[in-house]
Amino acid sequence: MADYHFVYKDVEGASTQWDDIQRKLGNLPPKPPAFKPPPFEPAPDPDSAPKDKSWVDAKTEDELDELEDDLDDDRFLEEYRKKRLAEMKEAAKVSKYGSVMQISGSDFVREVSRAPQDVWVVVFLYKEGSPECGPLLRCLDELSIKYPATKFVKIISTECIPNYPDRNLPTLLVYHNGAVKANYVGLHSFGRRCTPEGVALVLCKSDPVLNDGQSGSEQAVLEGIRRQFIEKVVTEHEDDDEGGSSSD
C-alpha cells in the first residue's frame, strides 16, 4: 500500500495564501528569509592595485629594477621609483660597516691604508686580558653601530706595531686617505669616565671622524655628538646628586 503521508515542499522561500493568513493571525511563526548567497568577489589581483607612493615603497630593490619598463606611462611614479631606488642603494652603501671588525697584521694595508678616500678608519690597538681595553671596546662597539659610515677595526697591538708596549694600551689610531690623522694613547685620553659620548667627542675634536651617513653634513653630525655629550654629562650629574641625597 502506497504511503500518502508526505509533506509537500515548494521552492525555498515560497509561501501559500493559507500560510500567509495563518501568519497574520499569529498561528504560524514569521516566514524565514529566503537564502541569498554572498555576492561574488574575485580574489585580489596585485597587478590591478592602485599604484602610488606606498605601492612603490613596498617594493624591494630588485623589484624596483624590474619596474623600469612598466612605469613609462606614469612620469610621476617613474621619477619616484628612481628616487626610491637611489635612496635604497645609498642606504646599503652606508650600512657596509656597523661593527668593529677584527683584522690581522696582514690585513692592515688592505683594510686601513687602502680604505676608500671618503672613509675615516678608527683602529683599536688592544690585547686580550688588558683591563683597560674592555671599557673602550664597549664604547667603540656602540659607536660603530651609531656611525656605520665610519670604519672601525681592532687589531692586537703587537701585530700592528712589533714590541708595542702594553703600558700604552688601549690605543686608538685614526686614519684618513691612508695617513694617520690622530692617535690617542691610554684610557685616560677619553676622560674620567669612558663613555661612548665622551669617546665620540674626543674623536671629532679636530676632524669629522664619525659619520652616520644620514645627517647630511659633517656639521650636523658634530652638533649631534656635542649635544649627546652634554646630555650624558647632565644625566650623570643628576644621578650623582640623587645618590648623594639618598646617603644623607
Protein backbone atom coordinates (compact mmCIF):
# COMPACT_ATOMS: atom_id res chain seq x y z
CA MET A 1 0.00 0.00 0.00
CA ALA A 2 1.40 3.32 -1.01
CA ASP A 3 2.43 5.80 1.68
CA TYR A 4 0.48 9.01 1.21
CA HIS A 5 1.87 10.69 4.35
CA PHE A 6 4.34 13.10 2.79
CA VAL A 7 4.99 16.82 3.14
CA TYR A 8 4.92 18.94 0.06
CA LYS A 9 7.82 21.42 -0.19
CA ASP A 10 7.63 24.34 -2.54
CA VAL A 11 10.52 26.43 -3.82
CA GLU A 12 12.58 27.71 -0.90
CA GLY A 13 11.16 30.99 0.42
CA ALA A 14 7.77 30.50 -1.26
CA SER A 15 4.52 30.61 0.77
CA THR A 16 0.85 29.73 0.22
CA GLN A 17 -2.06 32.14 0.80
CA TRP A 18 -3.24 29.92 3.65
CA ASP A 19 0.12 30.18 5.37
CA ASP A 20 0.10 33.95 4.91
CA ILE A 21 -3.33 34.17 6.56
CA GLN A 22 -2.21 31.97 9.46
CA ARG A 23 0.87 34.12 9.99
CA LYS A 24 -1.28 37.25 10.15
CA LEU A 25 -3.42 35.57 12.78
CA GLY A 26 -0.31 34.58 14.74
CA ASN A 27 -0.85 30.87 14.26
CA LEU A 28 2.44 30.40 12.41
CA PRO A 29 5.90 31.84 13.06
CA PRO A 30 7.26 34.51 10.69
CA LYS A 31 8.46 33.22 7.39
CA PRO A 32 12.26 32.78 7.36
CA PRO A 33 14.09 34.94 4.83
CA ALA A 34 15.00 33.31 1.56
CA PHE A 35 18.60 32.16 1.29
CA LYS A 36 20.80 34.53 -0.67
CA PRO A 37 24.39 33.54 -1.43
CA PRO A 38 27.02 36.20 -0.68
CA PRO A 39 27.98 38.36 -3.64
CA PHE A 40 30.89 37.02 -5.63
CA GLU A 41 34.16 38.85 -5.05
CA PRO A 42 37.15 37.85 -7.15
CA ALA A 43 40.49 37.30 -5.42
CA PRO A 44 42.56 40.50 -5.22
CA ASP A 45 44.91 40.94 -8.13
CA PRO A 46 48.20 42.64 -7.11
CA ASP A 47 48.64 43.97 -10.65
CA SER A 48 45.30 45.79 -10.50
CA ALA A 49 46.03 47.53 -7.18
CA PRO A 50 46.32 51.34 -7.38
CA LYS A 51 49.90 52.42 -8.00
CA ASP A 52 51.01 55.24 -5.70
CA LYS A 53 53.96 56.11 -3.43
CA SER A 54 53.06 53.45 -0.87
CA TRP A 55 52.96 50.87 -3.67
CA VAL A 56 56.48 51.83 -4.72
CA ASP A 57 57.74 51.94 -1.11
CA ALA A 58 56.65 48.31 -0.61
CA LYS A 59 58.95 47.10 -3.40
CA THR A 60 62.44 45.69 -2.88
CA GLU A 61 65.46 46.97 -4.76
CA ASP A 62 65.29 44.10 -7.27
CA GLU A 63 61.56 44.67 -7.82
CA LEU A 64 62.15 48.37 -8.45
CA ASP A 65 64.75 47.49 -11.08
CA GLU A 66 62.20 45.25 -12.85
CA LEU A 67 59.58 48.03 -12.84
CA GLU A 68 61.65 50.30 -15.05
CA ASP A 69 59.68 49.50 -18.24
CA ASP A 70 56.28 49.17 -16.53
CA LEU A 71 56.07 52.79 -15.34
CA ASP A 72 56.99 54.54 -18.58
CA ASP A 73 53.40 55.80 -18.92
CA ASP A 74 53.39 57.33 -15.44
CA ARG A 75 56.04 60.01 -15.25
CA PHE A 76 55.46 60.82 -11.55
CA LEU A 77 55.78 57.20 -10.39
CA GLU A 78 58.81 56.62 -12.61
CA GLU A 79 60.58 59.62 -11.08
CA TYR A 80 59.62 58.45 -7.60
CA ARG A 81 60.85 54.93 -8.43
CA LYS A 82 64.25 56.33 -9.42
CA LYS A 83 64.42 58.42 -6.25
CA ARG A 84 63.45 55.49 -4.06
CA LEU A 85 65.98 53.19 -5.77
CA ALA A 86 68.76 55.76 -5.24
CA GLU A 87 67.86 56.07 -1.54
CA MET A 88 67.96 52.29 -1.08
CA LYS A 89 71.34 51.98 -2.80
CA GLU A 90 72.75 54.82 -0.70
CA ALA A 91 71.44 53.22 2.50
CA ALA A 92 73.00 49.90 1.51
CA LYS A 93 76.33 51.64 0.90
CA VAL A 94 76.22 53.35 4.29
CA SER A 95 75.47 50.16 6.17
CA LYS A 96 78.51 48.28 4.82
CA TYR A 97 80.22 48.81 8.20
CA GLY A 98 78.34 48.95 11.51
CA SER A 99 80.62 46.84 13.73
CA VAL A 100 84.21 46.68 14.99
CA MET A 101 85.92 44.32 12.57
CA GLN A 102 88.80 42.11 13.72
CA ILE A 103 91.86 42.30 11.44
CA SER A 104 95.35 40.82 11.49
CA GLY A 105 98.69 42.36 10.58
CA SER A 106 98.44 41.06 7.02
CA ASP A 107 95.02 42.77 6.62
CA PHE A 108 96.19 46.20 7.74
CA VAL A 109 97.21 47.68 4.39
CA ARG A 110 94.06 46.49 2.60
CA GLU A 111 91.57 47.38 5.35
CA VAL A 112 93.15 50.59 6.67
CA SER A 113 95.79 52.16 4.41
CA ARG A 114 93.81 51.45 1.23
CA ALA A 115 90.35 52.20 2.60
CA PRO A 116 88.17 54.42 0.33
CA GLN A 117 89.27 58.06 0.35
CA ASP A 118 85.97 59.31 1.78
CA VAL A 119 86.05 56.86 4.72
CA TRP A 120 87.56 57.54 8.15
CA VAL A 121 89.09 54.48 9.82
CA VAL A 122 89.40 54.10 13.61
CA VAL A 123 91.98 51.45 14.56
CA PHE A 124 91.77 49.97 18.06
CA LEU A 125 95.04 48.50 19.37
CA TYR A 126 94.47 46.08 22.23
CA LYS A 127 95.49 42.85 23.95
CA GLU A 128 93.29 40.16 25.39
CA GLY A 129 93.11 40.36 29.17
CA SER A 130 94.06 44.04 29.38
CA PRO A 131 91.66 45.52 31.98
CA GLU A 132 91.59 48.97 30.37
CA CYS A 133 90.88 47.72 26.83
CA GLY A 134 87.43 46.34 27.68
CA PRO A 135 85.67 49.65 28.52
CA LEU A 136 86.96 51.36 25.38
CA LEU A 137 85.98 48.42 23.16
CA ARG A 138 82.43 48.54 24.53
CA CYS A 139 82.25 52.22 23.61
CA LEU A 140 83.55 51.53 20.11
CA ASP A 141 81.03 48.73 19.62
CA GLU A 142 78.22 51.22 20.32
CA LEU A 143 79.72 53.96 18.16
CA SER A 144 80.26 51.60 15.21
CA ILE A 145 76.51 50.89 15.17
CA LYS A 146 75.56 54.55 15.54
CA TYR A 147 78.03 55.73 12.86
CA PRO A 148 78.06 52.97 10.20
CA ALA A 149 79.75 55.15 7.57
CA THR A 150 82.91 55.22 9.72
CA LYS A 151 85.05 52.10 9.62
CA PHE A 152 86.08 50.60 12.96
CA VAL A 153 88.71 47.84 13.17
CA LYS A 154 90.56 46.18 16.04
CA ILE A 155 93.96 44.53 15.95
CA ILE A 156 96.25 43.00 18.57
CA SER A 157 98.81 45.70 19.29
CA THR A 158 101.98 43.68 18.57
CA GLU A 159 100.57 42.52 15.24
CA CYS A 160 100.17 46.15 14.22
CA ILE A 161 103.37 47.52 15.79
CA PRO A 162 106.04 44.96 16.81
CA ASN A 163 107.05 45.20 20.51
CA TYR A 164 104.37 47.81 21.19
CA PRO A 165 104.40 48.42 25.00
CA ASP A 166 101.41 47.10 26.92
CA ARG A 167 101.51 50.21 29.13
CA ASN A 168 100.27 52.23 26.13
CA LEU A 169 97.11 50.18 25.77
CA PRO A 170 94.45 50.84 24.74
CA THR A 171 95.46 52.97 21.77
CA LEU A 172 93.33 54.44 19.01
CA LEU A 173 94.78 55.40 15.63
CA VAL A 174 92.67 57.49 13.24
CA TYR A 175 93.35 57.11 9.51
CA HIS A 176 92.10 59.06 6.51
CA ASN A 177 93.34 58.77 2.92
CA GLY A 178 95.97 56.28 4.06
CA ALA A 179 97.58 58.63 6.61
CA VAL A 180 97.44 58.84 10.42
CA LYS A 181 95.42 61.90 11.42
CA ALA A 182 95.36 61.36 15.20
CA ASN A 183 96.36 58.92 17.92
CA TYR A 184 95.14 58.51 21.48
CA VAL A 185 97.24 56.53 23.95
CA GLY A 186 95.76 55.14 27.16
CA LEU A 187 92.25 55.10 28.57
CA HIS A 188 92.81 58.45 30.30
CA SER A 189 92.68 60.11 26.87
CA PHE A 190 88.90 59.77 27.00
CA GLY A 191 88.21 61.38 30.38
CA ARG A 192 87.48 60.18 33.88
CA ARG A 193 84.57 58.09 32.70
CA CYS A 194 84.95 56.29 29.41
CA THR A 195 81.57 56.67 27.74
CA PRO A 196 80.55 56.41 24.06
CA GLU A 197 79.59 60.09 24.09
CA GLY A 198 82.97 61.10 25.54
CA VAL A 199 84.90 58.95 23.06
CA ALA A 200 82.86 60.40 20.18
CA LEU A 201 83.64 63.95 21.30
CA VAL A 202 87.38 63.24 21.55
CA LEU A 203 87.48 61.57 18.11
CA CYS A 204 85.78 64.56 16.49
CA LYS A 205 87.72 67.34 18.24
CA SER A 206 89.84 68.21 15.21
CA ASP A 207 88.26 66.23 12.34
CA PRO A 208 84.79 64.92 11.46
CA VAL A 209 85.82 61.31 12.05
CA LEU A 210 82.37 59.94 12.85
CA ASN A 211 79.74 59.75 10.10
CA ASP A 212 76.25 58.27 10.39
CA GLY A 213 75.66 58.59 6.65
CA GLN A 214 72.27 60.24 7.19
CA SER A 215 72.67 63.65 8.81
CA GLY A 216 73.53 65.31 5.52
CA SER A 217 76.56 67.32 6.67
CA GLU A 218 79.63 66.98 8.86
CA GLN A 219 78.46 69.95 10.93
CA ALA A 220 75.14 68.25 11.69
CA VAL A 221 76.97 65.14 12.92
CA LEU A 222 79.31 67.21 15.11
CA GLU A 223 76.42 69.16 16.62
CA GLY A 224 74.64 65.89 17.38
CA ILE A 225 77.76 64.50 19.10
CA ARG A 226 78.17 67.62 21.24
CA ARG A 227 74.50 67.55 22.22
CA GLN A 228 74.68 63.87 23.21
CA PHE A 229 77.82 64.51 25.28
CA ILE A 230 76.21 67.41 27.16
CA GLU A 231 73.06 65.36 27.82
CA LYS A 232 75.21 62.50 29.14
CA VAL A 233 77.14 64.79 31.50
CA VAL A 234 73.93 66.36 32.81
CA THR A 235 72.37 62.91 33.39
CA GLU A 236 75.45 61.66 35.25
CA HIS A 237 75.50 64.82 37.38
CA GLU A 238 71.83 64.35 38.29
CA ASP A 239 72.47 60.70 39.17
CA ASP A 240 75.37 61.70 41.41
CA ASP A 241 73.18 64.28 43.18
CA GLU A 242 70.43 61.72 43.77
CA GLY A 243 72.93 59.21 45.11
CA GLY A 244 74.38 61.79 47.50
CA SER A 245 70.92 62.81 48.74
CA SER A 246 69.88 59.22 49.45
CA SER A 247 73.01 58.60 51.55
CA ASP A 248 72.33 61.56 53.88
